[in-house]
Structures are given as structure tokens and as C-alpha cells.
Amino acid sequence: MAVSIRLRREGAKNRPYYKIVVADSRSPRDGKFIEIIGTYDPKTPGNNSSLKVERAEYWISKGAQPSDTVRSLIKRNKKIATAAELPSRVDNGASQSAQEQVSPPSTPTETGTIANQS
């Protein structure tokens, strides 16, 4: 069975909205599919797609052929995912080193215990 990753059109007239699906290449555009792996709204500016990149890579490893548009969406979502992960890695490393530099809280002194008892 030849599997493809392609767009499935939904939405109203002049207001297209697509779901990114894994489907048998012989099935019609809006017909039977195997799995929904994302969405794409071409009318929305900016980040207008969401995609499960791991599932797309899984299906491509199994031999699925993405359409040209889906291929560009996968590339764009991979770039967004790596950009989102990169700052978090930098922040985690900086916060850990900052925490190591801060000395642990000192034990309560007699004046501290007296103040708490009053």
C-alpha cells in the first residue's frame, strides 16, 4: 500500500482549512485516511499550522511520501520546534549555575529563634 502525507480540505467556501493526514495514495482527497497528524490554516498570518513532527517523521521512515506543501510545513514546524527547545536549554543551564553559586540558607541563630518565639 502506497502511503502519502497530504492535506485534507475542510471549511466553508472561500474559507479553506486543512488537516494534515496520512492516507493511502489511492483514496480521494477528502476520503478515508489512516491518521490525522496536524492542521493548516492558510488564511491565518504567522504560525498557521500545528503538526506532530514525531509522527510525520515516523511515517516518512515507514515510506510515506509527503506532498510538496506538507514537506514545507514539516520543515517549518521542525525549525519552530528546535527554536523553542534551544532557549529553554540555555535558560536551564544558566539557572542551574546561578543556583550553585548561591550559598545554602544558614541555620537559625539564637536571635532568629528568639524573634520567632515572641
PDB file of N, CA and C in Angstrom:
ATOM      1  N   MET A   1       0.854  -1.172   0.000  1.00  0.00           N
ATOM      2  CA  MET A   1       0.000   0.000   0.000  1.00  0.00           C
ATOM      3  C   MET A   1       0.903   1.239   0.000  1.00  0.00           C
ATOM      4  N   ALA A   2       0.714   2.134  -0.974  1.00  0.00           N
ATOM      5  CA  ALA A   2       1.467   3.385  -1.054  1.00  0.00           C
ATOM      6  C   ALA A   2       0.802   4.414  -0.150  1.00  0.00           C
ATOM      7  N   VAL A   3       1.560   4.910   0.811  1.00  0.00           N
ATOM      8  CA  VAL A   3       1.022   5.854   1.780  1.00  0.00           C
ATOM      9  C   VAL A   3       1.570   7.241   1.482  1.00  0.00           C
ATOM     10  N   SER A   4       0.715   8.243   1.613  1.00  0.00           N
ATOM     11  CA  SER A   4       1.143   9.625   1.413  1.00  0.00           C
ATOM     12  C   SER A   4       0.689  10.481   2.583  1.00  0.00           C
ATOM     13  N   ILE A   5       1.413  11.561   2.817  1.00  0.00           N
ATOM     14  CA  ILE A   5       1.035  12.552   3.822  1.00  0.00           C
ATOM     15  C   ILE A   5       0.582  13.762   3.033  1.00  0.00           C
ATOM     16  N   ARG A   6      -0.676  14.138   3.204  1.00  0.00           N
ATOM     17  CA  ARG A   6      -1.226  15.213   2.379  1.00  0.00           C
ATOM     18  C   ARG A   6      -2.274  16.007   3.136  1.00  0.00           C
ATOM     19  N   LEU A   7      -2.779  17.042   2.470  1.00  0.00           N
ATOM     20  CA  LEU A   7      -3.779  17.912   3.067  1.00  0.00           C
ATOM     21  C   LEU A   7      -5.174  17.405   2.761  1.00  0.00           C
ATOM     22  N   ARG A   8      -6.048  17.489   3.736  1.00  0.00           N
ATOM     23  CA  ARG A   8      -7.461  17.126   3.584  1.00  0.00           C
ATOM     24  C   ARG A   8      -8.264  18.393   3.797  1.00  0.00           C
ATOM     25  N   ARG A   9      -8.981  18.848   2.780  1.00  0.00           N
ATOM     26  CA  ARG A   9      -9.658  20.132   2.844  1.00  0.00           C
ATOM     27  C   ARG A   9     -10.931  20.063   3.670  1.00  0.00           C
ATOM     28  N   GLU A  10     -11.077  21.066   4.526  1.00  0.00           N
ATOM     29  CA  GLU A  10     -12.301  21.245   5.296  1.00  0.00           C
ATOM     30  C   GLU A  10     -12.606  22.730   5.289  1.00  0.00           C
ATOM     31  N   GLY A  11     -13.654  23.138   5.939  1.00  0.00           N
ATOM     32  CA  GLY A  11     -14.003  24.551   5.981  1.00  0.00           C
ATOM     33  C   GLY A  11     -15.057  24.899   4.958  1.00  0.00           C
ATOM     34  N   ALA A  12     -15.460  26.155   4.953  1.00  0.00           N
ATOM     35  CA  ALA A  12     -16.530  26.616   4.074  1.00  0.00           C
ATOM     36  C   ALA A  12     -15.969  27.106   2.741  1.00  0.00           C
ATOM     37  N   LYS A  13     -16.878  27.491   1.870  1.00  0.00           N
ATOM     38  CA  LYS A  13     -16.497  28.038   0.576  1.00  0.00           C
ATOM     39  C   LYS A  13     -15.694  29.328   0.792  1.00  0.00           C
ATOM     40  N   ASN A  14     -14.595  29.460   0.102  1.00  0.00           N
ATOM     41  CA  ASN A  14     -13.679  30.600   0.211  1.00  0.00           C
ATOM     42  C   ASN A  14     -13.058  30.746   1.606  1.00  0.00           C
ATOM     43  N   ARG A  15     -13.158  29.751   2.408  1.00  0.00           N
ATOM     44  CA  ARG A  15     -12.530  29.756   3.735  1.00  0.00           C
ATOM     45  C   ARG A  15     -11.917  28.376   3.991  1.00  0.00           C
ATOM     46  N   PRO A  16     -10.838  28.049   3.263  1.00  0.00           N
ATOM     47  CA  PRO A  16     -10.269  26.701   3.400  1.00  0.00           C
ATOM     48  C   PRO A  16      -9.560  26.513   4.734  1.00  0.00           C
ATOM     49  N   TYR A  17      -9.620  25.301   5.209  1.00  0.00           N
ATOM     50  CA  TYR A  17      -8.946  24.868   6.414  1.00  0.00           C
ATOM     51  C   TYR A  17      -8.543  23.423   6.154  1.00  0.00           C
ATOM     52  N   TYR A  18      -7.301  23.079   6.427  1.00  0.00           N
ATOM     53  CA  TYR A  18      -6.816  21.755   6.075  1.00  0.00           C
ATOM     54  C   TYR A  18      -6.374  20.973   7.299  1.00  0.00           C
ATOM     55  N   LYS A  19      -6.567  19.680   7.234  1.00  0.00           N
ATOM     56  CA  LYS A  19      -5.984  18.759   8.204  1.00  0.00           C
ATOM     57  C   LYS A  19      -4.893  17.991   7.477  1.00  0.00           C
ATOM     58  N   ILE A  20      -3.768  17.817   8.144  1.00  0.00           N
ATOM     59  CA  ILE A  20      -2.665  17.059   7.565  1.00  0.00           C
ATOM     60  C   ILE A  20      -2.880  15.607   7.960  1.00  0.00           C
ATOM     61  N   VAL A  21      -3.056  14.762   6.951  1.00  0.00           N
ATOM     62  CA  VAL A  21      -3.407  13.369   7.204  1.00  0.00           C
ATOM     63  C   VAL A  21      -2.422  12.425   6.524  1.00  0.00           C
ATOM     64  N   VAL A  22      -2.343  11.238   7.091  1.00  0.00           N
ATOM     65  CA  VAL A  22      -1.631  10.126   6.468  1.00  0.00           C
ATOM     66  C   VAL A  22      -2.709   9.268   5.835  1.00  0.00           C
ATOM     67  N   ALA A  23      -2.605   9.054   4.509  1.00  0.00           N
ATOM     68  CA  ALA A  23      -3.657   8.327   3.799  1.00  0.00           C
ATOM     69  C   ALA A  23      -3.061   7.446   2.716  1.00  0.00           C
ATOM     70  N   ASP A  24      -3.833   6.466   2.318  1.00  0.00           N
ATOM     71  CA  ASP A  24      -3.483   5.652   1.156  1.00  0.00           C
ATOM     72  C   ASP A  24      -3.534   6.566  -0.065  1.00  0.00           C
ATOM     73  N   SER A  25      -2.533   6.490  -0.910  1.00  0.00           N
ATOM     74  CA  SER A  25      -2.469   7.407  -2.051  1.00  0.00           C
ATOM     75  C   SER A  25      -3.607   7.187  -3.046  1.00  0.00           C
ATOM     76  N   ARG A  26      -4.276   6.027  -2.982  1.00  0.00           N
ATOM     77  CA  ARG A  26      -5.379   5.750  -3.908  1.00  0.00           C
ATOM     78  C   ARG A  26      -6.705   6.324  -3.428  1.00  0.00           C
ATOM     79  N   SER A  27      -6.797   6.720  -2.158  1.00  0.00           N
ATOM     80  CA  SER A  27      -8.055   7.256  -1.635  1.00  0.00           C
ATOM     81  C   SER A  27      -8.226   8.710  -2.074  1.00  0.00           C
ATOM     82  N   PRO A  28      -9.477   9.203  -2.179  1.00  0.00           N
ATOM     83  CA  PRO A  28      -9.714  10.582  -2.612  1.00  0.00           C
ATOM     84  C   PRO A  28      -9.194  11.607  -1.603  1.00  0.00           C
ATOM     85  N   ARG A  29      -9.077  12.850  -2.056  1.00  0.00           N
ATOM     86  CA  ARG A  29      -8.508  13.924  -1.233  1.00  0.00           C
ATOM     87  C   ARG A  29      -9.192  14.038   0.127  1.00  0.00           C
ATOM     88  N   ASP A  30     -10.516  14.042   0.146  1.00  0.00           N
ATOM     89  CA  ASP A  30     -11.262  14.185   1.393  1.00  0.00           C
ATOM     90  C   ASP A  30     -11.822  12.857   1.890  1.00  0.00           C
ATOM     91  N   GLY A  31     -11.269  11.774   1.393  1.00  0.00           N
ATOM     92  CA  GLY A  31     -11.805  10.460   1.741  1.00  0.00           C
ATOM     93  C   GLY A  31     -11.139   9.845   2.950  1.00  0.00           C
ATOM     94  N   LYS A  32     -11.084   8.519   2.921  1.00  0.00           N
ATOM     95  CA  LYS A  32     -10.583   7.731   4.042  1.00  0.00           C
ATOM     96  C   LYS A  32      -9.107   8.042   4.300  1.00  0.00           C
ATOM     97  N   PHE A  33      -8.738   8.074   5.583  1.00  0.00           N
ATOM     98  CA  PHE A  33      -7.346   8.336   5.957  1.00  0.00           C
ATOM     99  C   PHE A  33      -6.951   7.422   7.106  1.00  0.00           C
ATOM    100  N   ILE A  34      -5.656   7.354   7.370  1.00  0.00           N
ATOM    101  CA  ILE A  34      -5.128   6.483   8.420  1.00  0.00           C
ATOM    102  C   ILE A  34      -5.006   7.233   9.743  1.00  0.00           C
ATOM    103  N   GLU A  35      -4.443   8.457   9.693  1.00  0.00           N
ATOM    104  CA  GLU A  35      -4.188   9.208  10.922  1.00  0.00           C
ATOM    105  C   GLU A  35      -4.128  10.701  10.623  1.00  0.00           C
ATOM    106  N   ILE A  36      -4.662  11.513  11.531  1.00  0.00           N
ATOM    107  CA  ILE A  36      -4.523  12.968  11.445  1.00  0.00           C
ATOM    108  C   ILE A  36      -3.289  13.347  12.254  1.00  0.00           C
ATOM    109  N   ILE A  37      -2.346  14.051  11.614  1.00  0.00           N
ATOM    110  CA  ILE A  37      -1.125  14.428  12.327  1.00  0.00           C
ATOM    111  C   ILE A  37      -0.972  15.936  12.487  1.00  0.00           C
ATOM    112  N   GLY A  38      -1.928  16.727  11.971  1.00  0.00           N
ATOM    113  CA  GLY A  38      -1.803  18.165  12.162  1.00  0.00           C
ATOM    114  C   GLY A  38      -2.891  18.939  11.448  1.00  0.00           C
ATOM    115  N   THR A  39      -2.775  20.275  11.542  1.00  0.00           N
ATOM    116  CA  THR A  39      -3.723  21.179  10.893  1.00  0.00           C
ATOM    117  C   THR A  39      -2.956  22.291  10.192  1.00  0.00           C
ATOM    118  N   TYR A  40      -3.632  22.949   9.233  1.00  0.00           N
ATOM    119  CA  TYR A  40      -3.039  24.053   8.481  1.00  0.00           C
ATOM    120  C   TYR A  40      -4.155  24.994   8.066  1.00  0.00           C
ATOM    121  N   ASP A  41      -4.005  26.276   8.429  1.00  0.00           N
ATOM    122  CA  ASP A  41      -4.982  27.302   8.059  1.00  0.00           C
ATOM    123  C   ASP A  41      -4.260  28.354   7.220  1.00  0.00           C
ATOM    124  N   PRO A  42      -4.392  28.296   5.890  1.00  0.00           N
ATOM    125  CA  PRO A  42      -3.628  29.206   5.031  1.00  0.00           C
ATOM    126  C   PRO A  42      -4.060  30.666   5.121  1.00  0.00           C
ATOM    127  N   LYS A  43      -5.245  30.942   5.621  1.00  0.00           N
ATOM    128  CA  LYS A  43      -5.737  32.319   5.706  1.00  0.00           C
ATOM    129  C   LYS A  43      -5.203  33.061   6.927  1.00  0.00           C
ATOM    130  N   THR A  44      -4.680  32.346   7.908  1.00  0.00           N
ATOM    131  CA  THR A  44      -4.182  32.958   9.127  1.00  0.00           C
ATOM    132  C   THR A  44      -2.728  33.380   8.939  1.00  0.00           C
ATOM    133  N   PRO A  45      -2.381  34.635   9.267  1.00  0.00           N
ATOM    134  CA  PRO A  45      -0.980  35.052   9.146  1.00  0.00           C
ATOM    135  C   PRO A  45      -0.145  34.488  10.298  1.00  0.00           C
ATOM    136  N   GLY A  46       1.150  34.434  10.097  1.00  0.00           N
ATOM    137  CA  GLY A  46       2.051  33.955  11.158  1.00  0.00           C
ATOM    138  C   GLY A  46       2.097  32.451  11.220  1.00  0.00           C
ATOM    139  N   ASN A  47       2.187  31.932  12.440  1.00  0.00           N
ATOM    140  CA  ASN A  47       2.251  30.489  12.648  1.00  0.00           C
ATOM    141  C   ASN A  47       0.855  29.912  12.457  1.00  0.00           C
ATOM    142  N   ASN A  48       0.589  29.396  11.279  1.00  0.00           N
ATOM    143  CA  ASN A  48      -0.760  28.950  10.933  1.00  0.00           C
ATOM    144  C   ASN A  48      -0.875  27.442  10.806  1.00  0.00           C
ATOM    145  N   SER A  49       0.074  26.708  11.375  1.00  0.00           N
ATOM    146  CA  SER A  49      -0.015  25.254  11.297  1.00  0.00           C
ATOM    147  C   SER A  49       0.437  24.634  12.608  1.00  0.00           C
ATOM    148  N   SER A  50      -0.133  23.479  12.893  1.00  0.00           N
ATOM    149  CA  SER A  50       0.320  22.669  14.027  1.00  0.00           C
ATOM    150  C   SER A  50       0.518  21.260  13.497  1.00  0.00           C
ATOM    151  N   LEU A  51       1.589  20.640  13.930  1.00  0.00           N
ATOM    152  CA  LEU A  51       1.944  19.346  13.363  1.00  0.00           C
ATOM    153  C   LEU A  51       2.669  18.509  14.397  1.00  0.00           C
ATOM    154  N   LYS A  52       2.328  17.229  14.448  1.00  0.00           N
ATOM    155  CA  LYS A  52       3.059  16.281  15.292  1.00  0.00           C
ATOM    156  C   LYS A  52       4.275  15.828  14.478  1.00  0.00           C
ATOM    157  N   VAL A  53       5.394  16.518  14.682  1.00  0.00           N
ATOM    158  CA  VAL A  53       6.594  16.274  13.881  1.00  0.00           C
ATOM    159  C   VAL A  53       7.091  14.844  14.073  1.00  0.00           C
ATOM    160  N   GLU A  54       6.983  14.317  15.290  1.00  0.00           N
ATOM    161  CA  GLU A  54       7.455  12.946  15.546  1.00  0.00           C
ATOM    162  C   GLU A  54       6.676  11.939  14.703  1.00  0.00           C
ATOM    163  N   ARG A  55       5.352  12.131  14.624  1.00  0.00           N
ATOM    164  CA  ARG A  55       4.526  11.200  13.838  1.00  0.00           C
ATOM    165  C   ARG A  55       4.827  11.335  12.349  1.00  0.00           C
ATOM    166  N   ALA A  56       5.068  12.551  11.887  1.00  0.00           N
ATOM    167  CA  ALA A  56       5.413  12.750  10.472  1.00  0.00           C
ATOM    168  C   ALA A  56       6.730  12.037  10.159  1.00  0.00           C
ATOM    169  N   GLU A  57       7.723  12.181  11.040  1.00  0.00           N
ATOM    170  CA  GLU A  57       9.000  11.501  10.824  1.00  0.00           C
ATOM    171  C   GLU A  57       8.831   9.987  10.863  1.00  0.00           C
ATOM    172  N   TYR A  58       7.951   9.501  11.755  1.00  0.00           N
ATOM    173  CA  TYR A  58       7.690   8.060  11.825  1.00  0.00           C
ATOM    174  C   TYR A  58       7.136   7.553  10.495  1.00  0.00           C
ATOM    175  N   TRP A  59       6.120   8.238   9.964  1.00  0.00           N
ATOM    176  CA  TRP A  59       5.506   7.788   8.718  1.00  0.00           C
ATOM    177  C   TRP A  59       6.466   7.910   7.535  1.00  0.00           C
ATOM    178  N   ILE A  60       7.287   8.947   7.531  1.00  0.00           N
ATOM    179  CA  ILE A  60       8.270   9.080   6.450  1.00  0.00           C
ATOM    180  C   ILE A  60       9.289   7.945   6.538  1.00  0.00           C
ATOM    181  N   SER A  61       9.671   7.553   7.759  1.00  0.00           N
ATOM    182  CA  SER A  61      10.602   6.430   7.914  1.00  0.00           C
ATOM    183  C   SER A  61       9.991   5.123   7.432  1.00  0.00           C
ATOM    184  N   LYS A  62       8.656   5.031   7.480  1.00  0.00           N
ATOM    185  CA  LYS A  62       7.965   3.831   7.003  1.00  0.00           C
ATOM    186  C   LYS A  62       7.701   3.877   5.502  1.00  0.00           C
ATOM    187  N   GLY A  63       8.090   4.979   4.825  1.00  0.00           N
ATOM    188  CA  GLY A  63       7.958   5.052   3.381  1.00  0.00           C
ATOM    189  C   GLY A  63       6.872   5.978   2.868  1.00  0.00           C
ATOM    190  N   ALA A  64       6.218   6.721   3.734  1.00  0.00           N
ATOM    191  CA  ALA A  64       5.176   7.653   3.293  1.00  0.00           C
ATOM    192  C   ALA A  64       5.807   8.813   2.536  1.00  0.00           C
ATOM    193  N   GLN A  65       5.130   9.254   1.488  1.00  0.00           N
ATOM    194  CA  GLN A  65       5.617  10.361   0.670  1.00  0.00           C
ATOM    195  C   GLN A  65       4.815  11.618   0.974  1.00  0.00           C
ATOM    196  N   PRO A  66       5.440  12.666   1.557  1.00  0.00           N
ATOM    197  CA  PRO A  66       4.692  13.897   1.812  1.00  0.00           C
ATOM    198  C   PRO A  66       4.507  14.701   0.527  1.00  0.00           C
ATOM    199  N   SER A  67       3.391  15.411   0.437  1.00  0.00           N
ATOM    200  CA  SER A  67       3.180  16.299  -0.698  1.00  0.00           C
ATOM    201  C   SER A  67       4.121  17.497  -0.553  1.00  0.00           C
ATOM    202  N   ASP A  68       4.240  18.317  -1.596  1.00  0.00           N
ATOM    203  CA  ASP A  68       5.156  19.453  -1.547  1.00  0.00           C
ATOM    204  C   ASP A  68       4.798  20.419  -0.423  1.00  0.00           C
ATOM    205  N   THR A  69       3.511  20.731  -0.278  1.00  0.00           N
ATOM    206  CA  THR A  69       3.079  21.653   0.763  1.00  0.00           C
ATOM    207  C   THR A  69       3.336  21.067   2.144  1.00  0.00           C
ATOM    208  N   VAL A  70       3.036  19.810   2.324  1.00  0.00           N
ATOM    209  CA  VAL A  70       3.251  19.169   3.621  1.00  0.00           C
ATOM    210  C   VAL A  70       4.741  19.106   3.932  1.00  0.00           C
ATOM    211  N   ARG A  71       5.560  18.869   2.932  1.00  0.00           N
ATOM    212  CA  ARG A  71       7.009  18.841   3.142  1.00  0.00           C
ATOM    213  C   ARG A  71       7.498  20.188   3.669  1.00  0.00           C
ATOM    214  N   SER A  72       6.987  21.286   3.098  1.00  0.00           N
ATOM    215  CA  SER A  72       7.408  22.609   3.579  1.00  0.00           C
ATOM    216  C   SER A  72       6.859  22.883   4.980  1.00  0.00           C
ATOM    217  N   LEU A  73       5.651  22.402   5.286  1.00  0.00           N
ATOM    218  CA  LEU A  73       5.097  22.569   6.637  1.00  0.00           C
ATOM    219  C   LEU A  73       5.904  21.795   7.665  1.00  0.00           C
ATOM    220  N   ILE A  74       6.342  20.600   7.311  1.00  0.00           N
ATOM    221  CA  ILE A  74       7.166  19.797   8.219  1.00  0.00           C
ATOM    222  C   ILE A  74       8.478  20.525   8.494  1.00  0.00           C
ATOM    223  N   LYS A  75       9.093  21.054   7.442  1.00  0.00           N
ATOM    224  CA  LYS A  75      10.355  21.772   7.603  1.00  0.00           C
ATOM    225  C   LYS A  75      10.183  22.988   8.508  1.00  0.00           C
ATOM    226  N   ARG A  76       9.097  23.751   8.303  1.00  0.00           N
ATOM    227  CA  ARG A  76       8.843  24.951   9.102  1.00  0.00           C
ATOM    228  C   ARG A  76       8.571  24.586  10.567  1.00  0.00           C
ATOM    229  N   ASN A  77       7.782  23.536  10.810  1.00  0.00           N
ATOM    230  CA  ASN A  77       7.470  23.135  12.184  1.00  0.00           C
ATOM    231  C   ASN A  77       8.689  22.557  12.901  1.00  0.00           C
ATOM    232  N   LYS A  78       9.589  21.888  12.174  1.00  0.00           N
ATOM    233  CA  LYS A  78      10.829  21.407  12.781  1.00  0.00           C
ATOM    234  C   LYS A  78      11.673  22.594  13.229  1.00  0.00           C
ATOM    235  N   LYS A  79      11.734  23.620  12.391  1.00  0.00           N
ATOM    236  CA  LYS A  79      12.516  24.806  12.722  1.00  0.00           C
ATOM    237  C   LYS A  79      11.941  25.496  13.956  1.00  0.00           C
ATOM    238  N   ILE A  80      10.621  25.605  14.031  1.00  0.00           N
ATOM    239  CA  ILE A  80       9.960  26.232  15.183  1.00  0.00           C
ATOM    240  C   ILE A  80      10.199  25.404  16.440  1.00  0.00           C
ATOM    241  N   ALA A  81      10.119  24.087  16.316  1.00  0.00           N
ATOM    242  CA  ALA A  81      10.304  23.205  17.480  1.00  0.00           C
ATOM    243  C   ALA A  81      11.732  23.294  18.013  1.00  0.00           C
ATOM    244  N   THR A  82      12.720  23.313  17.132  1.00  0.00           N
ATOM    245  CA  THR A  82      14.105  23.411  17.597  1.00  0.00           C
ATOM    246  C   THR A  82      14.393  24.784  18.167  1.00  0.00           C
ATOM    247  N   ALA A  83      13.792  25.826  17.625  1.00  0.00           N
ATOM    248  CA  ALA A  83      13.984  27.175  18.165  1.00  0.00           C
ATOM    249  C   ALA A  83      13.354  27.294  19.547  1.00  0.00           C
ATOM    250  N   ALA A  84      12.241  26.623  19.767  1.00  0.00           N
ATOM    251  CA  ALA A  84      11.582  26.663  21.071  1.00  0.00           C
ATOM    252  C   ALA A  84      12.383  25.885  22.110  1.00  0.00           C
ATOM    253  N   GLU A  85      13.036  24.805  21.718  1.00  0.00           N
ATOM    254  CA  GLU A  85      13.814  23.997  22.644  1.00  0.00           C
ATOM    255  C   GLU A  85      15.147  24.657  22.994  1.00  0.00           C
ATOM    256  N   LEU A  86      15.747  25.360  22.068  1.00  0.00           N
ATOM    257  CA  LEU A  86      17.069  25.933  22.258  1.00  0.00           C
ATOM    258  C   LEU A  86      17.126  26.933  23.411  1.00  0.00           C
ATOM    259  N   PRO A  87      16.239  27.938  23.505  1.00  0.00           N
ATOM    260  CA  PRO A  87      16.308  28.865  24.639  1.00  0.00           C
ATOM    261  C   PRO A  87      16.052  28.187  25.981  1.00  0.00           C
ATOM    262  N   SER A  88      15.177  27.191  26.012  1.00  0.00           N
ATOM    263  CA  SER A  88      14.902  26.521  27.280  1.00  0.00           C
ATOM    264  C   SER A  88      16.137  25.778  27.771  1.00  0.00           C
ATOM    265  N   ARG A  89      16.917  25.225  26.877  1.00  0.00           N
ATOM    266  CA  ARG A  89      18.155  24.551  27.276  1.00  0.00           C
ATOM    267  C   ARG A  89      19.143  25.571  27.829  1.00  0.00           C
ATOM    268  N   VAL A  90      19.253  26.723  27.202  1.00  0.00           N
ATOM    269  CA  VAL A  90      20.162  27.760  27.664  1.00  0.00           C
ATOM    270  C   VAL A  90      19.710  28.279  29.021  1.00  0.00           C
ATOM    271  N   ASP A  91      18.403  28.526  29.193  1.00  0.00           N
ATOM    272  CA  ASP A  91      17.883  29.027  30.458  1.00  0.00           C
ATOM    273  C   ASP A  91      18.107  28.028  31.587  1.00  0.00           C
ATOM    274  N   ASN A  92      17.880  26.747  31.314  1.00  0.00           N
ATOM    275  CA  ASN A  92      18.067  25.729  32.350  1.00  0.00           C
ATOM    276  C   ASN A  92      19.517  25.677  32.796  1.00  0.00           C
ATOM    277  N   GLY A  93      20.448  25.760  31.871  1.00  0.00           N
ATOM    278  CA  GLY A  93      21.859  25.729  32.226  1.00  0.00           C
ATOM    279  C   GLY A  93      22.253  26.958  33.024  1.00  0.00           C
ATOM    280  N   ALA A  94      21.744  28.120  32.663  1.00  0.00           N
ATOM    281  CA  ALA A  94      22.078  29.347  33.380  1.00  0.00           C
ATOM    282  C   ALA A  94      21.481  29.339  34.778  1.00  0.00           C
ATOM    283  N   SER A  95      20.264  28.876  34.917  1.00  0.00           N
ATOM    284  CA  SER A  95      19.627  28.873  36.234  1.00  0.00           C
ATOM    285  C   SER A  95      20.297  27.863  37.161  1.00  0.00           C
ATOM    286  N   GLN A  96      20.766  26.743  36.620  1.00  0.00           N
ATOM    287  CA  GLN A  96      21.434  25.763  37.462  1.00  0.00           C
ATOM    288  C   GLN A  96      22.760  26.318  37.963  1.00  0.00           C
ATOM    289  N   SER A  97      23.518  26.989  37.095  1.00  0.00           N
ATOM    290  CA  SER A  97      24.794  27.536  37.533  1.00  0.00           C
ATOM    291  C   SER A  97      24.571  28.678  38.532  1.00  0.00           C
ATOM    292  N   ALA A  98      23.499  29.452  38.362  1.00  0.00           N
ATOM    293  CA  ALA A  98      23.190  30.528  39.304  1.00  0.00           C
ATOM    294  C   ALA A  98      22.790  29.945  40.655  1.00  0.00           C
ATOM    295  N   GLN A  99      22.062  28.830  40.637  1.00  0.00           N
ATOM    296  CA  GLN A  99      21.658  28.207  41.894  1.00  0.00           C
ATOM    297  C   GLN A  99      22.862  27.630  42.625  1.00  0.00           C
ATOM    298  N   GLU A 100      23.846  27.142  41.894  1.00  0.00           N
ATOM    299  CA  GLU A 100      25.030  26.582  42.522  1.00  0.00           C
ATOM    300  C   GLU A 100      25.848  27.663  43.204  1.00  0.00           C
ATOM    301  N   GLN A 101      25.854  28.882  42.635  1.00  0.00           N
ATOM    302  CA  GLN A 101      26.634  29.968  43.189  1.00  0.00           C
ATOM    303  C   GLN A 101      26.018  30.516  44.474  1.00  0.00           C
ATOM    304  N   VAL A 102      24.711  30.425  44.631  1.00  0.00           N
ATOM    305  CA  VAL A 102      24.033  30.928  45.818  1.00  0.00           C
ATOM    306  C   VAL A 102      24.298  29.962  46.957  1.00  0.00           C
ATOM    307  N   SER A 103      24.708  30.517  48.102  1.00  0.00           N
ATOM    308  CA  SER A 103      25.008  29.658  49.241  1.00  0.00           C
ATOM    309  C   SER A 103      23.711  29.150  49.855  1.00  0.00           C
ATOM    310  N   PRO A 104      23.738  27.976  50.475  1.00  0.00           N
ATOM    311  CA  PRO A 104      22.516  27.441  51.083  1.00  0.00           C
ATOM    312  C   PRO A 104      22.122  28.289  52.287  1.00  0.00           C
ATOM    313  N   PRO A 105      20.856  28.300  52.658  1.00  0.00           N
ATOM    314  CA  PRO A 105      20.425  29.109  53.799  1.00  0.00           C
ATOM    315  C   PRO A 105      21.129  28.649  55.069  1.00  0.00           C
ATOM    316  N   SER A 106      21.504  29.643  55.862  1.00  0.00           N
ATOM    317  CA  SER A 106      22.215  29.324  57.092  1.00  0.00           C
ATOM    318  C   SER A 106      21.234  28.804  58.144  1.00  0.00           C
ATOM    319  N   THR A 107      21.770  28.132  59.149  1.00  0.00           N
ATOM    320  CA  THR A 107      20.924  27.601  60.215  1.00  0.00           C
ATOM    321  C   THR A 107      20.437  28.748  61.088  1.00  0.00           C
ATOM    322  N   PRO A 108      19.289  28.622  61.703  1.00  0.00           N
ATOM    323  CA  PRO A 108      18.781  29.725  62.516  1.00  0.00           C
ATOM    324  C   PRO A 108      19.700  29.997  63.701  1.00  0.00           C
ATOM    325  N   THR A 109      19.854  31.266  63.986  1.00  0.00           N
ATOM    326  CA  THR A 109      20.689  31.662  65.112  1.00  0.00           C
ATOM    327  C   THR A 109      19.804  31.875  66.338  1.00  0.00           C
ATOM    328  N   GLU A 110      20.422  32.187  67.449  1.00  0.00           N
ATOM    329  CA  GLU A 110      19.654  32.394  68.675  1.00  0.00           C
ATOM    330  C   GLU A 110      18.722  33.606  68.531  1.00  0.00           C
ATOM    331  N   THR A 111      19.197  34.659  67.853  1.00  0.00           N
ATOM    332  CA  THR A 111      18.355  35.830  67.700  1.00  0.00           C
ATOM    333  C   THR A 111      17.150  35.501  66.827  1.00  0.00           C
ATOM    334  N   GLY A 112      17.337  34.640  65.841  1.00  0.00           N
ATOM    335  CA  GLY A 112      16.215  34.254  64.981  1.00  0.00           C
ATOM    336  C   GLY A 112      15.189  33.452  65.728  1.00  0.00           C
ATOM    337  N   THR A 113      15.621  32.561  66.625  1.00  0.00           N
ATOM    338  CA  THR A 113      14.679  31.753  67.377  1.00  0.00           C
ATOM    339  C   THR A 113      13.962  32.584  68.433  1.00  0.00           C
ATOM    340  N   ILE A 114      14.650  33.554  68.976  1.00  0.00           N
ATOM    341  CA  ILE A 114      14.014  34.418  69.976  1.00  0.00           C
ATOM    342  C   ILE A 114      12.948  35.274  69.318  1.00  0.00           C
ATOM    343  N   ALA A 115      13.253  35.791  68.131  1.00  0.00           N
ATOM    344  CA  ALA A 115      12.290  36.640  67.427  1.00  0.00           C
ATOM    345  C   ALA A 115      11.053  35.835  67.067  1.00  0.00           C
ATOM    346  N   ASN A 116      11.241  34.568  66.710  1.00  0.00           N
ATOM    347  CA  ASN A 116      10.107  33.731  66.349  1.00  0.00           C
ATOM    348  C   ASN A 116       9.254  33.378  67.569  1.00  0.00           C
ATOM    349  N   GLN A 117       9.852  33.299  68.742  1.00  0.00           N
ATOM    350  CA  GLN A 117       9.118  32.928  69.926  1.00  0.00           C
ATOM    351  C   GLN A 117       8.288  34.091  70.471  1.00  0.00           C
ATOM    352  N   SER A 118       8.690  35.327  70.209  1.00  0.00           N
ATOM    353  CA  SER A 118       7.995  36.495  70.750  1.00  0.00           C
ATOM    354  C   SER A 118       6.662  36.729  70.145  1.00  0.00           C
TER     355      SER A 118
END
